[in-house]
Amino acid sequence: MGMTAGDRLGADIKRAEQALMAAKSSALKDADLTVAQYAALFALADHPGMSGAALARACLVTPQAMAAVLKHLEERGLIVRSVHPWHQKMLETRLTEAGAQTLRLADERAVRIERRIADEFTPQERDTLRELLARCVAAIQRD
């Protein structure tokens, strides 16, 4: 073994990610949303008309997983999908008023978690953490 358990950072990163996802999952139950559904609504609020593939990339899930998310959100009346005016094979996705209301409710809860994280660090530490995490991603993707 080339590294001791104490030298490995992967478990620490995974532990933080799992804690974040568990907290968000719990917080979003009142809005009857999963973390992936919330992420899709959140992305659509900033970028109305995104395609399913673009949403999948923005939400860090596979296109297949996003297709299931969008199907569920559409069945609940939280989004509408329509054919793009120029690209007939592409569907644009937009929030409905019910989707916007659900997102507001969910975001009130999710932002509390994000605020607790942010409050643990100074602005400079948050910038440093982002830089360090970006370096982790770059190191993982090298090869």
C-alpha atoms as a PDB file:
ATOM      1  CA  MET A   1       0.000   0.000   0.000  1.00  0.00           C
ATOM      2  CA  GLY A   2       1.471   3.296  -1.101  1.00  0.00           C
ATOM      3  CA  MET A   3      -0.373   5.568   1.346  1.00  0.00           C
ATOM      4  CA  THR A   4      -1.521   5.246   4.927  1.00  0.00           C
ATOM      5  CA  ALA A   5      -5.183   5.752   5.747  1.00  0.00           C
ATOM      6  CA  GLY A   6      -4.291   9.028   7.445  1.00  0.00           C
ATOM      7  CA  ASP A   7      -2.652  10.351   4.276  1.00  0.00           C
ATOM      8  CA  ARG A   8      -5.688   9.677   2.073  1.00  0.00           C
ATOM      9  CA  LEU A   9      -8.137  12.544   1.485  1.00  0.00           C
ATOM     10  CA  GLY A  10     -10.777  10.692  -0.537  1.00  0.00           C
ATOM     11  CA  ALA A  11     -12.719   9.493   2.499  1.00  0.00           C
ATOM     12  CA  ASP A  12     -12.791  13.009   3.965  1.00  0.00           C
ATOM     13  CA  ILE A  13     -14.099  14.470   0.717  1.00  0.00           C
ATOM     14  CA  LYS A  14     -16.707  11.708   0.431  1.00  0.00           C
ATOM     15  CA  ARG A  15     -17.792  12.172   4.054  1.00  0.00           C
ATOM     16  CA  ALA A  16     -18.380  15.890   3.473  1.00  0.00           C
ATOM     17  CA  GLU A  17     -20.298  15.205   0.263  1.00  0.00           C
ATOM     18  CA  GLN A  18     -22.470  12.552   1.912  1.00  0.00           C
ATOM     19  CA  ALA A  19     -23.225  14.835   4.869  1.00  0.00           C
ATOM     20  CA  LEU A  20     -24.244  17.623   2.497  1.00  0.00           C
ATOM     21  CA  MET A  21     -26.471  15.348   0.389  1.00  0.00           C
ATOM     22  CA  ALA A  22     -28.109  13.803   3.464  1.00  0.00           C
ATOM     23  CA  ALA A  23     -28.822  17.231   4.974  1.00  0.00           C
ATOM     24  CA  LYS A  24     -30.249  18.558   1.706  1.00  0.00           C
ATOM     25  CA  SER A  25     -32.310  15.421   1.164  1.00  0.00           C
ATOM     26  CA  SER A  26     -33.844  15.812   4.613  1.00  0.00           C
ATOM     27  CA  ALA A  27     -34.433  19.543   4.116  1.00  0.00           C
ATOM     28  CA  LEU A  28     -36.180  19.005   0.776  1.00  0.00           C
ATOM     29  CA  LYS A  29     -38.687  16.427   2.067  1.00  0.00           C
ATOM     30  CA  ASP A  30     -41.249  19.116   2.930  1.00  0.00           C
ATOM     31  CA  ALA A  31     -41.141  20.286  -0.686  1.00  0.00           C
ATOM     32  CA  ASP A  32     -41.448  16.642  -1.845  1.00  0.00           C
ATOM     33  CA  LEU A  33     -38.267  16.932  -3.924  1.00  0.00           C
ATOM     34  CA  THR A  34     -35.108  14.907  -4.239  1.00  0.00           C
ATOM     35  CA  VAL A  35     -31.740  16.658  -4.387  1.00  0.00           C
ATOM     36  CA  ALA A  36     -31.560  15.973  -8.137  1.00  0.00           C
ATOM     37  CA  GLN A  37     -35.045  17.404  -8.707  1.00  0.00           C
ATOM     38  CA  TYR A  38     -34.181  20.487  -6.675  1.00  0.00           C
ATOM     39  CA  ALA A  39     -30.939  20.937  -8.611  1.00  0.00           C
ATOM     40  CA  ALA A  40     -32.845  20.762 -11.893  1.00  0.00           C
ATOM     41  CA  LEU A  41     -35.412  23.360 -10.773  1.00  0.00           C
ATOM     42  CA  PHE A  42     -32.634  25.580  -9.454  1.00  0.00           C
ATOM     43  CA  ALA A  43     -30.735  25.393 -12.760  1.00  0.00           C
ATOM     44  CA  LEU A  44     -33.904  26.103 -14.748  1.00  0.00           C
ATOM     45  CA  ALA A  45     -34.637  29.186 -12.666  1.00  0.00           C
ATOM     46  CA  ASP A  46     -31.302  30.647 -13.791  1.00  0.00           C
ATOM     47  CA  HIS A  47     -31.380  29.265 -17.349  1.00  0.00           C
ATOM     48  CA  PRO A  48     -34.934  28.807 -18.641  1.00  0.00           C
ATOM     49  CA  GLY A  49     -35.190  26.734 -21.790  1.00  0.00           C
ATOM     50  CA  MET A  50     -32.265  24.403 -21.093  1.00  0.00           C
ATOM     51  CA  SER A  51     -32.250  21.035 -22.794  1.00  0.00           C
ATOM     52  CA  GLY A  52     -32.224  17.817 -20.809  1.00  0.00           C
ATOM     53  CA  ALA A  53     -28.601  17.183 -21.771  1.00  0.00           C
ATOM     54  CA  ALA A  54     -27.541  20.654 -20.625  1.00  0.00           C
ATOM     55  CA  LEU A  55     -29.436  20.178 -17.368  1.00  0.00           C
ATOM     56  CA  ALA A  56     -27.721  16.833 -16.810  1.00  0.00           C
ATOM     57  CA  ARG A  57     -24.315  18.504 -17.202  1.00  0.00           C
ATOM     58  CA  ALA A  58     -25.303  21.401 -14.925  1.00  0.00           C
ATOM     59  CA  CYS A  59     -26.620  19.039 -12.244  1.00  0.00           C
ATOM     60  CA  LEU A  60     -23.743  16.546 -12.516  1.00  0.00           C
ATOM     61  CA  VAL A  61     -25.928  13.561 -13.367  1.00  0.00           C
ATOM     62  CA  THR A  62     -26.194  11.300 -16.396  1.00  0.00           C
ATOM     63  CA  PRO A  63     -28.610  12.176 -19.205  1.00  0.00           C
ATOM     64  CA  GLN A  64     -30.579   9.029 -18.310  1.00  0.00           C
ATOM     65  CA  ALA A  65     -30.921  10.127 -14.687  1.00  0.00           C
ATOM     66  CA  MET A  66     -31.985  13.604 -15.795  1.00  0.00           C
ATOM     67  CA  ALA A  67     -34.614  12.120 -18.124  1.00  0.00           C
ATOM     68  CA  ALA A  68     -36.199  10.391 -15.113  1.00  0.00           C
ATOM     69  CA  VAL A  69     -36.007  13.609 -13.049  1.00  0.00           C
ATOM     70  CA  LEU A  70     -37.647  15.640 -15.818  1.00  0.00           C
ATOM     71  CA  LYS A  71     -40.378  13.047 -16.350  1.00  0.00           C
ATOM     72  CA  HIS A  72     -41.277  13.213 -12.661  1.00  0.00           C
ATOM     73  CA  LEU A  73     -41.190  17.029 -12.535  1.00  0.00           C
ATOM     74  CA  GLU A  74     -43.336  17.242 -15.662  1.00  0.00           C
ATOM     75  CA  GLU A  75     -45.880  14.768 -14.238  1.00  0.00           C
ATOM     76  CA  ARG A  76     -46.137  16.962 -11.132  1.00  0.00           C
ATOM     77  CA  GLY A  77     -46.705  20.057 -13.268  1.00  0.00           C
ATOM     78  CA  LEU A  78     -43.507  21.739 -12.057  1.00  0.00           C
ATOM     79  CA  ILE A  79     -41.988  22.060 -15.529  1.00  0.00           C
ATOM     80  CA  VAL A  80     -43.170  22.215 -19.124  1.00  0.00           C
ATOM     81  CA  ARG A  81     -41.214  20.988 -22.117  1.00  0.00           C
ATOM     82  CA  SER A  82     -41.654  22.218 -25.658  1.00  0.00           C
ATOM     83  CA  VAL A  83     -39.900  21.780 -28.975  1.00  0.00           C
ATOM     84  CA  HIS A  84     -37.142  24.318 -29.580  1.00  0.00           C
ATOM     85  CA  PRO A  85     -38.144  26.748 -32.355  1.00  0.00           C
ATOM     86  CA  TRP A  86     -34.959  26.099 -34.396  1.00  0.00           C
ATOM     87  CA  HIS A  87     -33.855  22.641 -33.311  1.00  0.00           C
ATOM     88  CA  GLN A  88     -36.886  20.400 -33.735  1.00  0.00           C
ATOM     89  CA  LYS A  89     -35.251  17.433 -31.982  1.00  0.00           C
ATOM     90  CA  MET A  90     -34.434  19.448 -28.846  1.00  0.00           C
ATOM     91  CA  LEU A  91     -36.907  20.054 -26.042  1.00  0.00           C
ATOM     92  CA  GLU A  92     -36.701  23.268 -24.043  1.00  0.00           C
ATOM     93  CA  THR A  93     -37.574  22.994 -20.379  1.00  0.00           C
ATOM     94  CA  ARG A  94     -39.108  25.772 -18.296  1.00  0.00           C
ATOM     95  CA  LEU A  95     -40.496  26.129 -14.787  1.00  0.00           C
ATOM     96  CA  THR A  96     -44.224  26.475 -14.359  1.00  0.00           C
ATOM     97  CA  GLU A  97     -45.609  28.805 -11.697  1.00  0.00           C
ATOM     98  CA  ALA A  98     -46.077  25.731  -9.481  1.00  0.00           C
ATOM     99  CA  GLY A  99     -42.450  24.819 -10.152  1.00  0.00           C
ATOM    100  CA  ALA A 100     -41.269  28.301  -9.199  1.00  0.00           C
ATOM    101  CA  GLN A 101     -43.309  28.143  -5.974  1.00  0.00           C
ATOM    102  CA  THR A 102     -41.962  24.690  -5.132  1.00  0.00           C
ATOM    103  CA  LEU A 103     -38.423  25.906  -5.794  1.00  0.00           C
ATOM    104  CA  ARG A 104     -38.909  28.898  -3.467  1.00  0.00           C
ATOM    105  CA  LEU A 105     -40.118  26.606  -0.678  1.00  0.00           C
ATOM    106  CA  ALA A 106     -37.278  24.134  -1.233  1.00  0.00           C
ATOM    107  CA  ASP A 107     -34.634  26.828  -1.538  1.00  0.00           C
ATOM    108  CA  GLU A 108     -35.632  28.365   1.799  1.00  0.00           C
ATOM    109  CA  ARG A 109     -34.646  25.069   3.374  1.00  0.00           C
ATOM    110  CA  ALA A 110     -31.599  24.288   1.238  1.00  0.00           C
ATOM    111  CA  VAL A 111     -30.080  27.734   1.669  1.00  0.00           C
ATOM    112  CA  ARG A 112     -29.994  27.217   5.439  1.00  0.00           C
ATOM    113  CA  ILE A 113     -27.552  24.359   4.908  1.00  0.00           C
ATOM    114  CA  GLU A 114     -25.446  26.368   2.465  1.00  0.00           C
ATOM    115  CA  ARG A 115     -25.420  29.284   4.919  1.00  0.00           C
ATOM    116  CA  ARG A 116     -24.238  27.039   7.771  1.00  0.00           C
ATOM    117  CA  ILE A 117     -21.352  25.867   5.606  1.00  0.00           C
ATOM    118  CA  ALA A 118     -20.464  29.382   4.458  1.00  0.00           C
ATOM    119  CA  ASP A 119     -20.626  30.740   8.006  1.00  0.00           C
ATOM    120  CA  GLU A 120     -17.881  28.320   9.070  1.00  0.00           C
ATOM    121  CA  PHE A 121     -15.383  30.143   6.851  1.00  0.00           C
ATOM    122  CA  THR A 122     -14.217  33.660   6.169  1.00  0.00           C
ATOM    123  CA  PRO A 123     -14.680  34.886   2.587  1.00  0.00           C
ATOM    124  CA  GLN A 124     -10.979  34.256   1.977  1.00  0.00           C
ATOM    125  CA  GLU A 125     -11.244  30.724   3.386  1.00  0.00           C
ATOM    126  CA  ARG A 126     -14.248  30.028   1.125  1.00  0.00           C
ATOM    127  CA  ASP A 127     -12.199  31.149  -1.876  1.00  0.00           C
ATOM    128  CA  THR A 128      -9.295  28.971  -0.728  1.00  0.00           C
ATOM    129  CA  LEU A 129     -11.601  25.987  -0.224  1.00  0.00           C
ATOM    130  CA  ARG A 130     -12.997  26.397  -3.737  1.00  0.00           C
ATOM    131  CA  GLU A 131      -9.463  26.588  -5.130  1.00  0.00           C
ATOM    132  CA  LEU A 132      -8.389  23.499  -3.183  1.00  0.00           C
ATOM    133  CA  LEU A 133     -11.431  21.529  -4.322  1.00  0.00           C
ATOM    134  CA  ALA A 134     -10.802  22.594  -7.925  1.00  0.00           C
ATOM    135  CA  ARG A 135      -7.240  21.319  -7.560  1.00  0.00           C
ATOM    136  CA  CYS A 136      -8.616  18.021  -6.260  1.00  0.00           C
ATOM    137  CA  VAL A 137     -10.830  17.723  -9.347  1.00  0.00           C
ATOM    138  CA  ALA A 138      -7.910  18.560 -11.632  1.00  0.00           C
ATOM    139  CA  ALA A 139      -5.683  16.001  -9.911  1.00  0.00           C
ATOM    140  CA  ILE A 140      -8.366  13.297 -10.149  1.00  0.00           C
ATOM    141  CA  GLN A 141      -8.911  13.997 -13.851  1.00  0.00           C
ATOM    142  CA  ARG A 142      -5.212  13.933 -14.736  1.00  0.00           C
ATOM    143  CA  ASP A 143      -3.915  10.863 -16.562  1.00  0.00           C
END
